[in-house]
Structures are given as structure tokens and as C-alpha cells.
């Protein structure tokens, strides 16, 4: 369990809710550091972390179920304020002597909350609130010392409190956007109940993290695989702020990158930030290995394996260049690991969040590369990483860049990967990006890109018959990539993108638009 920050923290016990990370984000939006821990974390371990407050998340289970996740009952004796949300409220009521029963009428979706008593949770929010419900059980008897502060048509105990112990329960979900004043409810718990200072900012994070990096690294050197994406770019800028020339970045051009990627990385990190940057052009090496490979999984494995070999070769050459003989010149490997990557999954039946896994990233480095890790972003969510990048002076084009798969254009070319097909896709994709930016749509969506299909069709260009390639457009909106929906772009913009691709990209005579959502489809085509 990490102990990352000098700031006061709020702990979130995860009972398998699909909204647990949303709770953490809402807390951090109030400039309070939040940390997610497993539901069965012992009270002694919680005491060592010294949180100023605890939130019990929702979850898919019933408190009476045989496999229902249960907390350490001693957490209610720590003298720390507790807020239970949905299943978390039911657990608190159950453990403290109340009664939970299955409701004859399930509450799901929008509802009205009537505040019937003054409470710190609802200070300044009025007597009637729109809320979002998602529960089948409900509290039917209050534990001793608790009182009702709000109700709904179906739940007389929709919000409860124990004033002296500072225990609170909400049957609804304040963390979701469908509860319009939910953020304010959580803020009231943080500031009016727990007494947080609200001093968790990206500015303070940068300062504290730089100091930790200096303490960890000392006078040794750090190597970082720079991809040009948001995470590795922000990690590079942050580590460089901390230790300067002790950082060396390796950028591998595998030939599967977007247009002008190598030049952009050289200019930004080499010229502008004056970082030590080693660029390795391994295009021929990768394309030789991928020749004739059409299976998506084989593509990923080959690209991941070859990247490790290329990176290893680069580190070996750089180590020898430093004149240290057989001894490694780099003691530390930097990675752009984010907080969602290190949160322990709570695999509870019925939890959809535990079932959705990304499979588009290139695999990690092997254990034989004996580095100590520097992971300066492992406390942060993606939106916070973008904030840090902005504070460090990275341009919007990098900080707000859309996600790009580890295997690159290889998973956006269906079928054989050749220089010719890469060129076609790269040109088409650059038109998509250019028009999305020109129309101000690029930063409104999650991803927008082109896919080259293994499909040729008949067309007419001028007075001649053509038999050429088909390009698909994939433009989706999403919060985290776990689910996504296609974007209803203006017809005029779609027409302009299509027209430019057909007229400017040699070998394409048809453009189609992918209108499938995730699930059942994925965002990437392979």
C-alpha cells in the first residue's frame, strides 16, 4: 500500500462499485488527496495511514449474501469520520445494529431527495435535490444513535447521520454526474465534517514529487522510453525538472507512428526542453518482422517483443558510451504508470468494472533488465496528468493528445502491414486530425482516427474506373475508454474529411463511418 503524499488523505474502501474511481476523482476535484484501498483493509493498517476521513463505496452485493464483502468492523472504532455510499451505507447500518432488507420496489435512475433535517452534508444545498439511485436493498431500521436527515419516496432513510461519531450514510450516489449537487455533498463531507485543508494541487504535487525523485535517484542516472504520448511526455518533463541531465530519453521509431512523430519529439524534447534524447529508427527491423502477419495478437506480440530488444540495444550502447565498462550506466528506469494501473482490482461478482480490461498496450520490460523504477505519476489519474503537463509547460498538442495504441498503426491496418499501406493510412489519419482540430472537435472527443480496411471497391474518378482502398473513420466519445459511443459529427465535417481523403490520398476511393459503440465493438478495430 502506497504512502505517497505529505498531505492529509481520504481513504476509499472499494466494495466493487463501478463508480469507485469516480468517487476518488470527485474528492480530488476538491483538492483533497484520495487513495483507494481494498474493502478488507485492516483497521490497524488504516490507522497507520492516518486518514482524516473514510468513504465506503457502493457495490453489487447484498450485505446478507454469503460472499458479500465485509470491512474490518474495527474501522468504526477508529474515531475517523465515515461516509457510506449505497452498499457502503447498508454495511455501516448492518454492522452497527440496524436492519437492511430487500426492497419490493427497486430504485434506479433519477429521483428526488427531500432534506428533512439540517445536516453538514447538505449545508447550503436547499431542501430538495435531484439524485441518482441504483439499489435493490435499503435500510429499514436505524442503528442506535443515528437519525434521518433526508428521504425519498421509497426510502425513509435515504440519508442518515450519527452526529457525535461523524458517521454518515447516503442511499444514492453523489459521485455521479446524474446527481447535480453531488460534488457539493462530497465537498461538505470533506470540509465541514473532516476538516480537510484542500491543499492537494498539481503545483504542490510537482514540487513534492521533484523532491522525492531527487532523494530516490541521488547522483545516479535514469533511462526513459519516450513514446510521445501524454504519460511518457509528462513523466519525462517532470523527471527532467527534478534531475536535469541525469535523465536520458530513448525514442524508438518503429515505423508504425503517426505522421511527423519523430520530428515533433526531436523538436519538443531535444531542442525545446534540451533533454538528452536518443532516437532509434528501427522501421526496417519492425516491418521485416511483421511481413505477412495479419493476426492482430501476433502483431502485438511481435511489436512488444521487438520493442524490448531495440530498447535493450539502445541502453547497452548508451551505457558503453558512458565508459563504465560492463557496469550498467543507468540504475533507474522511468515509467509513466498511472494510478488506475496500480489500484488493486476488487473482483466481486456483478462488478462490471472488474471485467473490462485494455489489451492494446505494448507489454512491459522483462525482469532481466535490473532497474529500480521511477514512477512519478503513479498517484495520478489521467486528467491530473494532463494538468501536471500544462503546469510543466508542455504544449496543448501534447497534453491534450488523444490516446494512441501501443502497437501504433499496426492495429489500425487490417491485414498485411507494408510501407505502402502505412503511407496511405498515415496520410488519411493526418487529414482526420487536421480537420478535427480546424473544426474545434478534436479536443471534444475521446479519439478520432482512420482505419485502413483490407477491402477494395469499384469507383469512378474523372472518366476512369478505379478499384482502390477503403478507409473507415472511427470517432468516439468516452470518459475512460472502458465504454464509448460514436460521435454524431456534423454532416458537413464528415463530408469534408471524406472528400479530402479521397482527393488527396492516392489509392483510396471510398470512406465509411463506423457507428458502433463499445460494447459490443471495441474502439480500435484490432
Protein backbone atom coordinates (compact mmCIF):
# COMPACT_ATOMS: atom_id res chain seq x y z
CA UNK A 1 0.00 0.00 0.00
CA UNK A 2 1.49 3.33 -1.05
CA UNK A 3 2.19 6.23 1.30
CA UNK A 4 2.62 8.91 -1.33
CA UNK A 5 1.78 12.35 -0.03
CA UNK A 6 2.58 14.66 2.84
CA UNK A 7 -0.98 15.95 2.51
CA UNK A 8 -3.89 14.70 4.58
CA UNK A 9 -5.68 11.90 2.80
CA UNK A 10 -9.12 10.42 2.46
CA UNK A 11 -9.35 6.64 2.15
CA UNK A 12 -11.92 4.96 -0.08
CA UNK A 13 -12.68 1.32 0.73
CA UNK A 14 -13.60 -0.36 -2.55
CA UNK A 15 -16.50 -2.82 -2.35
CA UNK A 16 -16.59 -3.43 -6.09
CA UNK A 17 -18.55 -0.43 -7.31
CA UNK A 18 -18.14 0.59 -10.93
CA UNK A 19 -18.05 4.15 -9.54
CA UNK A 20 -15.18 3.77 -7.03
CA UNK A 21 -12.69 5.63 -9.21
CA UNK A 22 -15.31 8.31 -9.82
CA UNK A 23 -15.51 8.87 -6.05
CA UNK A 24 -11.73 9.29 -5.94
CA UNK A 25 -11.87 11.81 -8.78
CA UNK A 26 -14.63 13.84 -7.12
CA UNK A 27 -12.60 14.04 -3.92
CA UNK A 28 -9.52 15.20 -5.80
CA UNK A 29 -11.54 17.83 -7.64
CA UNK A 30 -11.92 19.41 -4.20
CA UNK A 31 -8.10 19.44 -3.89
CA UNK A 32 -8.06 16.63 -1.33
CA UNK A 33 -5.79 13.62 -1.86
CA UNK A 34 -7.79 10.37 -2.11
CA UNK A 35 -6.49 6.82 -2.00
CA UNK A 36 -8.41 3.65 -2.91
CA UNK A 37 -7.76 0.56 -0.79
CA UNK A 38 -9.35 -2.94 -0.77
CA UNK A 39 -12.55 -3.35 1.26
CA UNK A 40 -10.90 -5.77 3.70
CA UNK A 41 -8.00 -3.49 4.67
CA UNK A 42 -7.39 -4.00 8.39
CA UNK A 43 -8.20 -1.20 10.82
CA UNK A 44 -4.58 -1.26 12.04
CA UNK A 45 -3.34 -0.56 8.51
CA UNK A 46 -5.88 2.24 8.13
CA UNK A 47 -4.70 3.77 11.41
CA UNK A 48 -1.10 3.84 10.13
CA UNK A 49 -2.19 5.80 7.06
CA UNK A 50 -3.88 8.33 9.36
CA UNK A 51 -6.71 9.41 7.05
CA UNK A 52 -8.89 12.34 8.07
CA UNK A 53 -11.91 10.63 6.56
CA UNK A 54 -13.14 7.33 5.08
CA UNK A 55 -15.65 6.64 2.32
CA UNK A 56 -17.22 3.20 1.92
CA UNK A 57 -18.02 2.70 -1.77
CA UNK A 58 -21.08 1.10 -3.26
CA UNK A 59 -21.02 -2.41 -4.66
CA UNK A 60 -23.08 -5.08 -6.42
CA UNK A 61 -23.52 -7.40 -3.41
CA UNK A 62 -26.18 -7.69 -0.71
CA UNK A 63 -24.97 -7.32 2.88
CA UNK A 64 -26.53 -10.68 3.74
CA UNK A 65 -25.02 -12.58 0.84
CA UNK A 66 -22.71 -15.49 1.67
CA UNK A 67 -19.86 -13.92 -0.28
CA UNK A 68 -20.72 -10.32 0.50
CA UNK A 69 -17.55 -8.24 1.01
CA UNK A 70 -17.29 -7.11 4.63
CA UNK A 71 -14.98 -4.49 6.18
CA UNK A 72 -12.97 -4.89 9.36
CA UNK A 73 -15.60 -3.90 11.98
CA UNK A 74 -12.86 -2.16 13.96
CA UNK A 75 -12.73 0.66 11.41
CA UNK A 76 -15.87 2.04 13.14
CA UNK A 77 -13.85 2.37 16.36
CA UNK A 78 -11.01 4.44 14.90
CA UNK A 79 -12.63 7.80 15.67
CA UNK A 80 -12.45 8.80 11.98
CA UNK A 81 -15.45 10.28 10.09
CA UNK A 82 -17.08 7.75 7.73
CA UNK A 83 -19.38 8.27 4.76
CA UNK A 84 -21.13 5.17 3.41
CA UNK A 85 -22.50 5.33 -0.14
CA UNK A 86 -25.28 2.91 -1.18
CA UNK A 87 -23.88 -0.56 -0.29
CA UNK A 88 -21.41 1.27 1.99
CA UNK A 89 -24.32 2.82 3.90
CA UNK A 90 -26.07 -0.54 4.17
CA UNK A 91 -22.89 -2.14 5.52
CA UNK A 92 -22.49 0.55 8.14
CA UNK A 93 -26.11 0.17 9.21
CA UNK A 94 -25.78 -3.62 9.29
CA UNK A 95 -22.55 -3.64 11.34
CA UNK A 96 -23.78 -1.05 13.84
CA UNK A 97 -27.09 -2.71 14.70
CA UNK A 98 -29.51 -1.52 12.04
CA UNK A 99 -31.52 -3.62 9.62
CA UNK A 100 -31.21 -3.94 5.84
CA UNK A 101 -33.90 -5.62 3.73
CA UNK A 102 -34.57 -6.26 0.09
CA UNK A 103 -36.83 -3.55 -1.27
CA UNK A 104 -40.02 -4.53 -3.05
CA UNK A 105 -39.51 -1.58 -5.35
CA UNK A 106 -36.02 -1.19 -6.78
CA UNK A 107 -34.82 2.41 -7.03
CA UNK A 108 -32.83 3.02 -10.19
CA UNK A 109 -32.24 6.23 -12.09
CA UNK A 110 -33.28 9.77 -11.31
CA UNK A 111 -35.05 10.54 -8.05
CA UNK A 112 -35.98 13.37 -5.70
CA UNK A 113 -34.39 13.75 -2.27
CA UNK A 114 -36.23 15.68 0.43
CA UNK A 115 -33.97 17.06 3.18
CA UNK A 116 -35.91 16.84 6.45
CA UNK A 117 -33.25 17.91 8.98
CA UNK A 118 -30.25 20.24 8.98
CA UNK A 119 -27.05 18.32 8.31
CA UNK A 120 -23.45 19.22 7.49
CA UNK A 121 -23.75 17.11 4.33
CA UNK A 122 -26.49 19.30 2.85
CA UNK A 123 -25.37 22.69 4.14
CA UNK A 124 -26.35 25.38 1.65
CA UNK A 125 -27.87 22.94 -0.87
CA UNK A 126 -31.60 23.51 -0.30
CA UNK A 127 -34.41 21.22 0.78
CA UNK A 128 -34.99 19.30 -2.46
CA UNK A 129 -32.27 17.73 -4.62
CA UNK A 130 -32.19 15.69 -7.81
CA UNK A 131 -30.27 12.45 -7.19
CA UNK A 132 -29.26 9.20 -8.90
CA UNK A 133 -30.26 5.87 -7.36
CA UNK A 134 -29.04 2.36 -8.09
CA UNK A 135 -30.04 -0.12 -5.38
CA UNK A 136 -32.31 -3.06 -4.64
CA UNK A 137 -31.77 -3.27 -0.84
CA UNK A 138 -32.46 -0.50 1.64
CA UNK A 139 -32.07 0.32 5.32
CA UNK A 140 -35.32 -0.34 7.23
CA UNK A 141 -34.16 0.19 10.82
CA UNK A 142 -31.65 2.77 12.03
CA UNK A 143 -28.74 1.76 14.27
CA UNK A 144 -28.64 3.32 17.74
CA UNK A 145 -27.54 6.97 17.74
CA UNK A 146 -28.41 7.57 14.06
CA UNK A 147 -31.11 9.88 12.75
CA UNK A 148 -32.73 10.56 9.38
CA UNK A 149 -31.68 13.70 7.53
CA UNK A 150 -33.27 13.06 4.10
CA UNK A 151 -35.76 10.72 2.44
CA UNK A 152 -37.09 9.70 -0.97
CA UNK A 153 -40.49 8.35 -1.98
CA UNK A 154 -39.24 4.79 -1.49
CA UNK A 155 -36.57 5.22 1.21
CA UNK A 156 -37.35 6.85 4.56
CA UNK A 157 -33.63 6.61 5.38
CA UNK A 158 -32.12 7.93 2.14
CA UNK A 159 -29.57 9.96 4.15
CA UNK A 160 -28.64 9.32 7.77
CA UNK A 161 -26.10 10.56 10.30
CA UNK A 162 -24.64 9.86 13.73
CA UNK A 163 -23.68 13.43 14.76
CA UNK A 164 -21.28 12.66 17.61
CA UNK A 165 -19.36 9.89 15.80
CA UNK A 166 -19.48 11.76 12.45
CA UNK A 167 -20.87 8.74 10.61
CA UNK A 168 -22.98 9.47 7.52
CA UNK A 169 -24.83 7.31 5.02
CA UNK A 170 -26.30 8.05 1.60
CA UNK A 171 -28.55 5.56 -0.19
CA UNK A 172 -27.99 7.37 -3.50
CA UNK A 173 -24.81 8.09 -5.49
CA UNK A 174 -23.46 11.64 -5.03
CA UNK A 175 -20.35 10.87 -7.10
CA UNK A 176 -22.06 10.52 -10.49
CA UNK A 177 -22.85 13.47 -12.75
CA UNK A 178 -26.56 12.50 -12.63
CA UNK A 179 -26.63 13.88 -9.06
CA UNK A 180 -26.17 17.57 -9.96
CA UNK A 181 -25.15 18.72 -6.45
CA UNK A 182 -23.30 15.53 -5.60
CA UNK A 183 -19.89 17.19 -5.79
CA UNK A 184 -21.05 19.75 -3.21
CA UNK A 185 -22.32 16.97 -0.91
CA UNK A 186 -18.92 15.28 -1.04
CA UNK A 187 -17.19 18.64 -0.50
CA UNK A 188 -19.32 19.24 2.60
CA UNK A 189 -18.18 15.89 3.99
CA UNK A 190 -14.55 16.74 3.26
CA UNK A 191 -14.51 20.26 4.66
CA UNK A 192 -17.44 20.62 7.09
CA UNK A 193 -17.08 17.15 8.63
CA UNK A 194 -13.47 16.00 8.16
CA UNK A 195 -11.76 19.39 8.20
CA UNK A 196 -9.51 18.97 5.15
CA UNK A 197 -7.43 21.96 4.06
CA UNK A 198 -7.96 21.47 0.31
CA UNK A 199 -4.24 21.86 -0.45
CA UNK A 200 -3.81 18.94 -2.92
CA UNK A 201 -2.91 20.83 -6.10
CA UNK A 202 -0.83 19.94 -9.13
CA UNK A 203 1.59 22.71 -8.25
CA UNK A 204 2.24 21.20 -4.82
CA UNK A 205 2.38 17.73 -6.38
CA UNK A 206 5.15 18.80 -8.80
CA UNK A 207 7.20 20.37 -6.03
CA UNK A 208 6.89 17.39 -3.68
CA UNK A 209 7.43 14.81 -6.44
CA UNK A 210 10.58 16.52 -7.69
CA UNK A 211 11.98 16.39 -4.18
CA UNK A 212 11.14 12.67 -3.88
CA UNK A 213 12.78 11.94 -7.24
CA UNK A 214 15.97 13.71 -6.14
CA UNK A 215 16.01 11.72 -2.90
CA UNK A 216 15.41 8.43 -4.71
CA UNK A 217 17.88 8.91 -7.57
CA UNK A 218 20.70 10.76 -5.84
CA UNK A 219 23.56 11.12 -8.31
CA UNK A 220 22.58 8.10 -10.44
CA UNK A 221 21.11 8.16 -13.96
CA UNK A 222 17.60 7.41 -15.24
CA UNK A 223 16.55 5.99 -18.62
CA UNK A 224 13.04 6.54 -20.01
CA UNK A 225 11.31 5.10 -23.07
CA UNK A 226 9.66 8.16 -24.60
CA UNK A 227 6.71 7.45 -26.89
CA UNK A 228 5.47 10.98 -27.48
CA UNK A 229 2.16 10.17 -25.78
CA UNK A 230 0.77 12.08 -22.81
CA UNK A 231 2.00 9.82 -19.99
CA UNK A 232 5.62 9.35 -21.06
CA UNK A 233 5.90 13.00 -22.14
CA UNK A 234 4.69 14.32 -18.77
CA UNK A 235 6.87 11.81 -16.89
CA UNK A 236 9.90 12.95 -18.92
CA UNK A 237 9.21 16.65 -18.29
CA UNK A 238 8.66 16.07 -14.57
CA UNK A 239 11.79 13.96 -14.06
CA UNK A 240 13.86 16.41 -16.12
CA UNK A 241 12.58 19.24 -13.89
CA UNK A 242 13.86 17.24 -10.91
CA UNK A 243 17.27 15.92 -12.07
CA UNK A 244 18.08 17.54 -15.44
CA UNK A 245 20.84 15.77 -17.39
CA UNK A 246 20.70 12.70 -15.17
CA UNK A 247 17.73 11.70 -17.36
CA UNK A 248 18.18 10.18 -20.82
CA UNK A 249 15.17 9.51 -23.05
CA UNK A 250 15.07 6.84 -25.76
CA UNK A 251 12.57 7.32 -28.58
CA UNK A 252 12.04 4.26 -30.79
CA UNK A 253 10.61 4.91 -34.24
CA UNK A 254 9.10 1.55 -35.12
CA UNK A 255 7.67 2.79 -38.41
CA UNK A 256 4.13 2.47 -37.04
CA UNK A 257 3.80 6.02 -35.75
CA UNK A 258 1.61 8.94 -36.75
CA UNK A 259 2.80 11.48 -39.32
CA UNK A 260 5.85 13.57 -38.31
CA UNK A 261 6.04 11.94 -34.87
CA UNK A 262 9.82 11.63 -34.77
CA UNK A 263 10.37 15.22 -35.87
CA UNK A 264 7.90 16.53 -33.27
CA UNK A 265 9.60 14.60 -30.43
CA UNK A 266 13.06 15.81 -31.50
CA UNK A 267 11.90 19.41 -31.61
CA UNK A 268 9.99 19.46 -28.33
CA UNK A 269 12.20 17.38 -26.06
CA UNK A 270 15.58 17.73 -27.72
CA UNK A 271 15.50 21.34 -28.91
CA UNK A 272 12.98 22.99 -26.60
CA UNK A 273 13.49 21.17 -23.29
CA UNK A 274 17.16 20.42 -24.03
CA UNK A 275 16.82 16.84 -22.80
CA UNK A 276 19.29 14.08 -23.56
CA UNK A 277 17.43 12.28 -26.31
CA UNK A 278 18.47 9.15 -28.20
CA UNK A 279 16.36 8.49 -31.30
CA UNK A 280 16.45 4.97 -32.73
CA UNK A 281 14.95 4.48 -36.19
CA UNK A 282 14.04 0.79 -36.27
CA UNK A 283 11.44 0.95 -39.04
CA UNK A 284 13.04 -1.67 -41.26
CA UNK A 285 13.61 -4.00 -38.32
CA UNK A 286 9.93 -3.89 -37.27
CA UNK A 287 8.45 -4.11 -40.76
CA UNK A 288 10.65 -7.10 -41.59
CA UNK A 289 9.35 -8.92 -38.52
CA UNK A 290 5.75 -8.02 -39.38
CA UNK A 291 5.90 -9.01 -43.04
CA UNK A 292 2.95 -11.23 -43.96
CA UNK A 293 1.50 -11.16 -40.40
CA UNK A 294 -2.25 -10.49 -40.36
CA UNK A 295 -3.36 -11.87 -36.99
CA UNK A 296 -3.83 -8.97 -34.52
CA UNK A 297 -2.48 -10.85 -31.50
CA UNK A 298 0.66 -11.91 -33.39
CA UNK A 299 1.16 -8.30 -34.43
CA UNK A 300 1.04 -7.16 -30.80
CA UNK A 301 3.40 -9.87 -29.59
CA UNK A 302 5.94 -9.17 -32.32
CA UNK A 303 5.85 -5.42 -31.75
CA UNK A 304 6.11 -5.76 -27.97
CA UNK A 305 8.97 -8.27 -28.15
CA UNK A 306 10.89 -6.26 -30.74
CA UNK A 307 10.47 -3.02 -28.80
CA UNK A 308 12.11 -4.60 -25.77
CA UNK A 309 15.04 -5.81 -27.87
CA UNK A 310 15.51 -2.41 -29.52
CA UNK A 311 15.30 -0.65 -26.16
CA UNK A 312 17.79 -3.08 -24.62
CA UNK A 313 20.23 -2.50 -27.50
CA UNK A 314 19.91 1.27 -27.09
CA UNK A 315 20.54 1.11 -23.33
CA UNK A 316 23.59 -1.13 -23.86
CA UNK A 317 25.09 1.28 -26.41
CA UNK A 318 24.41 4.29 -24.20
CA UNK A 319 25.97 2.52 -21.21
CA UNK A 320 29.16 1.74 -23.15
CA UNK A 321 29.27 5.29 -24.42
CA UNK A 322 29.45 6.46 -20.82
CA UNK A 323 32.67 4.49 -20.43
CA UNK A 324 31.59 2.39 -17.49
CA UNK A 325 32.53 -0.94 -19.00
CA UNK A 326 30.23 -3.83 -18.16
CA UNK A 327 28.55 -1.98 -15.29
CA UNK A 328 25.18 -0.50 -16.22
CA UNK A 329 25.24 3.27 -16.57
CA UNK A 330 21.56 3.57 -15.70
CA UNK A 331 20.35 2.44 -12.30
CA UNK A 332 16.75 3.61 -12.76
CA UNK A 333 14.05 3.05 -15.37
CA UNK A 334 11.29 5.68 -15.53
CA UNK A 335 7.76 4.70 -16.50
CA UNK A 336 4.54 6.64 -16.99
CA UNK A 337 2.47 4.35 -14.75
CA UNK A 338 -0.82 5.95 -13.66
CA UNK A 339 -2.98 5.40 -10.58
CA UNK A 340 -5.61 3.20 -12.32
CA UNK A 341 -2.76 0.83 -13.24
CA UNK A 342 -1.81 0.26 -9.59
CA UNK A 343 -5.24 0.14 -7.93
CA UNK A 344 -5.96 -3.39 -6.77
CA UNK A 345 -8.98 -4.75 -8.67
CA UNK A 346 -11.86 -5.91 -6.49
CA UNK A 347 -13.22 -8.89 -8.41
CA UNK A 348 -16.73 -9.17 -6.99
CA UNK A 349 -19.49 -10.91 -8.94
CA UNK A 350 -21.65 -8.35 -10.70
CA UNK A 351 -18.97 -5.66 -10.82
CA UNK A 352 -18.71 -4.57 -14.47
CA UNK A 353 -15.57 -2.53 -13.87
CA UNK A 354 -13.65 -5.67 -12.95
CA UNK A 355 -14.49 -7.32 -16.26
CA UNK A 356 -13.26 -4.66 -18.71
CA UNK A 357 -9.55 -4.78 -19.47
CA UNK A 358 -7.48 -2.92 -22.03
CA UNK A 359 -5.35 -5.06 -24.33
CA UNK A 360 -3.89 -2.51 -26.70
CA UNK A 361 -0.69 -1.58 -24.87
CA UNK A 362 2.74 -2.99 -25.59
CA UNK A 363 3.96 -5.23 -22.74
CA UNK A 364 6.38 -4.16 -20.03
CA UNK A 365 10.11 -4.71 -19.90
CA UNK A 366 11.49 -8.10 -18.80
CA UNK A 367 12.81 -8.77 -15.29
CA UNK A 368 16.31 -9.38 -16.63
CA UNK A 369 16.62 -5.63 -17.11
CA UNK A 370 17.54 -4.99 -13.49
CA UNK A 371 16.42 -1.41 -12.97
CA UNK A 372 14.90 0.28 -9.98
CA UNK A 373 11.69 2.02 -11.06
CA UNK A 374 10.92 5.71 -11.03
CA UNK A 375 7.17 6.18 -11.48
CA UNK A 376 6.35 9.81 -10.70
CA UNK A 377 2.76 9.67 -11.99
CA UNK A 378 1.57 6.56 -10.15
CA UNK A 379 -0.56 8.70 -7.78
CA UNK A 380 -2.46 10.43 -10.58
CA UNK A 381 -5.47 9.92 -12.80
CA UNK A 382 -5.24 10.84 -16.49
CA UNK A 383 -6.88 14.24 -16.13
CA UNK A 384 -4.43 15.12 -13.34
CA UNK A 385 -1.51 14.04 -15.55
CA UNK A 386 -2.72 16.49 -18.17
CA UNK A 387 -2.85 19.23 -15.53
CA UNK A 388 0.73 18.47 -14.48
CA UNK A 389 1.85 18.61 -18.11
CA UNK A 390 0.30 22.04 -18.51
CA UNK A 391 1.99 23.27 -15.32
CA UNK A 392 5.34 22.00 -16.65
CA UNK A 393 4.97 23.96 -19.87
CA UNK A 394 4.13 21.16 -22.30
CA UNK A 395 2.05 22.42 -25.26
CA UNK A 396 -1.65 21.66 -25.58
CA UNK A 397 -0.91 19.47 -28.63
CA UNK A 398 0.92 17.04 -26.29
CA UNK A 399 -1.03 17.43 -23.03
CA UNK A 400 -4.47 17.08 -24.61
CA UNK A 401 -3.42 14.50 -27.18
CA UNK A 402 -5.82 11.67 -27.84
CA UNK A 403 -4.87 8.13 -26.77
CA UNK A 404 -2.77 6.13 -29.24
CA UNK A 405 -2.39 2.33 -29.02
CA UNK A 406 0.98 0.85 -28.08
CA UNK A 407 1.22 -1.17 -31.32
CA UNK A 408 0.55 2.04 -33.24
CA UNK A 409 -0.89 1.97 -36.75
CA UNK A 410 -0.41 -1.82 -36.84
CA UNK A 411 -3.81 -2.26 -35.16
CA UNK A 412 -5.41 0.29 -37.48
CA UNK A 413 -4.30 -1.56 -40.62
CA UNK A 414 -6.36 -4.71 -41.06
CA UNK A 415 -4.32 -7.34 -42.86
CA UNK A 416 -0.74 -7.02 -44.14
CA UNK A 417 1.45 -4.19 -42.90
CA UNK A 418 3.59 -2.70 -45.68
CA UNK A 419 5.32 0.63 -46.21
CA UNK A 420 2.78 1.46 -48.92
CA UNK A 421 -0.26 0.71 -46.73
CA UNK A 422 1.30 2.61 -43.80
CA UNK A 423 1.79 5.61 -46.04
CA UNK A 424 -1.86 5.53 -47.16
CA UNK A 425 -3.16 5.30 -43.59
CA UNK A 426 -0.74 7.92 -42.25
CA UNK A 427 -1.88 10.44 -44.86
CA UNK A 428 -5.55 9.70 -44.24
CA UNK A 429 -5.12 9.91 -40.49
CA UNK A 430 -3.30 13.25 -40.68
CA UNK A 431 -6.27 14.66 -42.62
CA UNK A 432 -8.67 13.41 -39.92
CA UNK A 433 -6.60 15.08 -37.19
CA UNK A 434 -6.17 18.32 -39.14
CA UNK A 435 -9.88 18.70 -39.88
CA UNK A 436 -10.93 17.73 -36.34
CA UNK A 437 -8.63 20.42 -34.96
CA UNK A 438 -9.67 23.03 -37.53
CA UNK A 439 -13.33 22.46 -36.66
CA UNK A 440 -12.63 22.57 -32.87
CA UNK A 441 -13.89 18.99 -32.48
CA UNK A 442 -10.54 17.32 -31.73
CA UNK A 443 -10.46 18.22 -28.03
CA UNK A 444 -14.17 17.48 -27.55
CA UNK A 445 -13.92 13.75 -28.30
CA UNK A 446 -12.00 10.81 -26.84
CA UNK A 447 -10.47 9.56 -30.09
CA UNK A 448 -10.67 10.31 -33.80
CA UNK A 449 -8.67 8.33 -36.35
CA UNK A 450 -8.66 6.47 -39.65
CA UNK A 451 -8.55 2.71 -40.22
CA UNK A 452 -7.31 1.09 -43.43
CA UNK A 453 -9.51 -1.86 -44.39
CA UNK A 454 -8.45 -4.91 -46.43
CA UNK A 455 -11.25 -4.06 -48.83
CA UNK A 456 -11.04 -2.73 -52.37
CA UNK A 457 -14.10 -1.46 -54.20
CA UNK A 458 -15.04 -0.08 -57.59
CA UNK A 459 -15.13 3.68 -58.04
CA UNK A 460 -15.12 6.36 -60.71
CA UNK A 461 -12.60 9.20 -60.64
CA UNK A 462 -12.78 11.52 -63.64
CA UNK A 463 -13.82 9.31 -66.52
CA UNK A 464 -11.86 6.31 -65.30
CA UNK A 465 -12.89 3.23 -63.36
CA UNK A 466 -10.92 2.68 -60.13
CA UNK A 467 -10.51 -0.33 -57.86
CA UNK A 468 -8.94 1.01 -54.67
CA UNK A 469 -8.83 1.02 -50.88
CA UNK A 470 -11.48 1.77 -48.28
CA UNK A 471 -10.78 3.93 -45.22
CA UNK A 472 -13.03 3.83 -42.15
CA UNK A 473 -13.37 6.78 -39.78
CA UNK A 474 -13.60 5.99 -36.06
CA UNK A 475 -14.62 8.93 -33.84
CA UNK A 476 -15.86 8.19 -30.32
CA UNK A 477 -16.70 9.91 -27.07
CA UNK A 478 -15.80 8.33 -23.74
CA UNK A 479 -14.80 9.13 -20.17
CA UNK A 480 -12.18 6.45 -19.63
CA UNK A 481 -12.11 4.21 -22.72
CA UNK A 482 -13.95 1.41 -20.92
CA UNK A 483 -17.18 2.25 -22.71
CA UNK A 484 -17.61 4.53 -25.72
CA UNK A 485 -20.17 5.77 -28.20
CA UNK A 486 -19.75 7.07 -31.72
CA UNK A 487 -19.88 10.82 -32.18
CA UNK A 488 -22.64 12.45 -34.21
CA UNK A 489 -20.34 14.78 -36.14
CA UNK A 490 -21.89 17.46 -38.36
CA UNK A 491 -22.52 16.08 -41.83
CA UNK A 492 -20.55 18.94 -43.37
CA UNK A 493 -17.44 17.97 -41.38
CA UNK A 494 -17.76 14.29 -42.31
CA UNK A 495 -18.17 15.27 -45.93
CA UNK A 496 -15.07 17.46 -45.83
CA UNK A 497 -12.92 14.74 -44.25
CA UNK A 498 -14.16 12.17 -46.75
CA UNK A 499 -13.64 14.49 -49.72
CA UNK A 500 -10.09 15.39 -48.68
CA UNK A 501 -9.06 11.76 -48.12
CA UNK A 502 -10.44 10.61 -51.48
CA UNK A 503 -8.92 13.55 -53.37
CA UNK A 504 -5.56 13.76 -51.59
CA UNK A 505 -4.65 10.20 -50.59
CA UNK A 506 -3.59 8.16 -53.57
CA UNK A 507 -5.12 4.69 -53.56
CA UNK A 508 -8.36 5.49 -51.67
CA UNK A 509 -11.72 5.85 -53.39
CA UNK A 510 -14.17 5.17 -50.52
CA UNK A 511 -14.60 6.43 -46.94
CA UNK A 512 -17.06 4.89 -44.45
CA UNK A 513 -18.06 5.93 -40.90
CA UNK A 514 -18.06 3.45 -38.01
CA UNK A 515 -21.26 3.98 -35.95
CA UNK A 516 -20.81 1.12 -33.46
CA UNK A 517 -20.47 1.66 -29.71
CA UNK A 518 -18.28 -0.09 -27.14
CA UNK A 519 -19.54 -2.60 -26.15
CA UNK A 520 -20.20 -4.61 -28.28
CA UNK A 521 -17.44 -3.25 -30.55
CA UNK A 522 -14.05 -2.06 -29.34
CA UNK A 523 -12.66 1.41 -30.01
CA UNK A 524 -9.71 0.09 -32.01
CA UNK A 525 -10.51 -2.32 -34.83
CA UNK A 526 -7.86 -4.85 -33.78
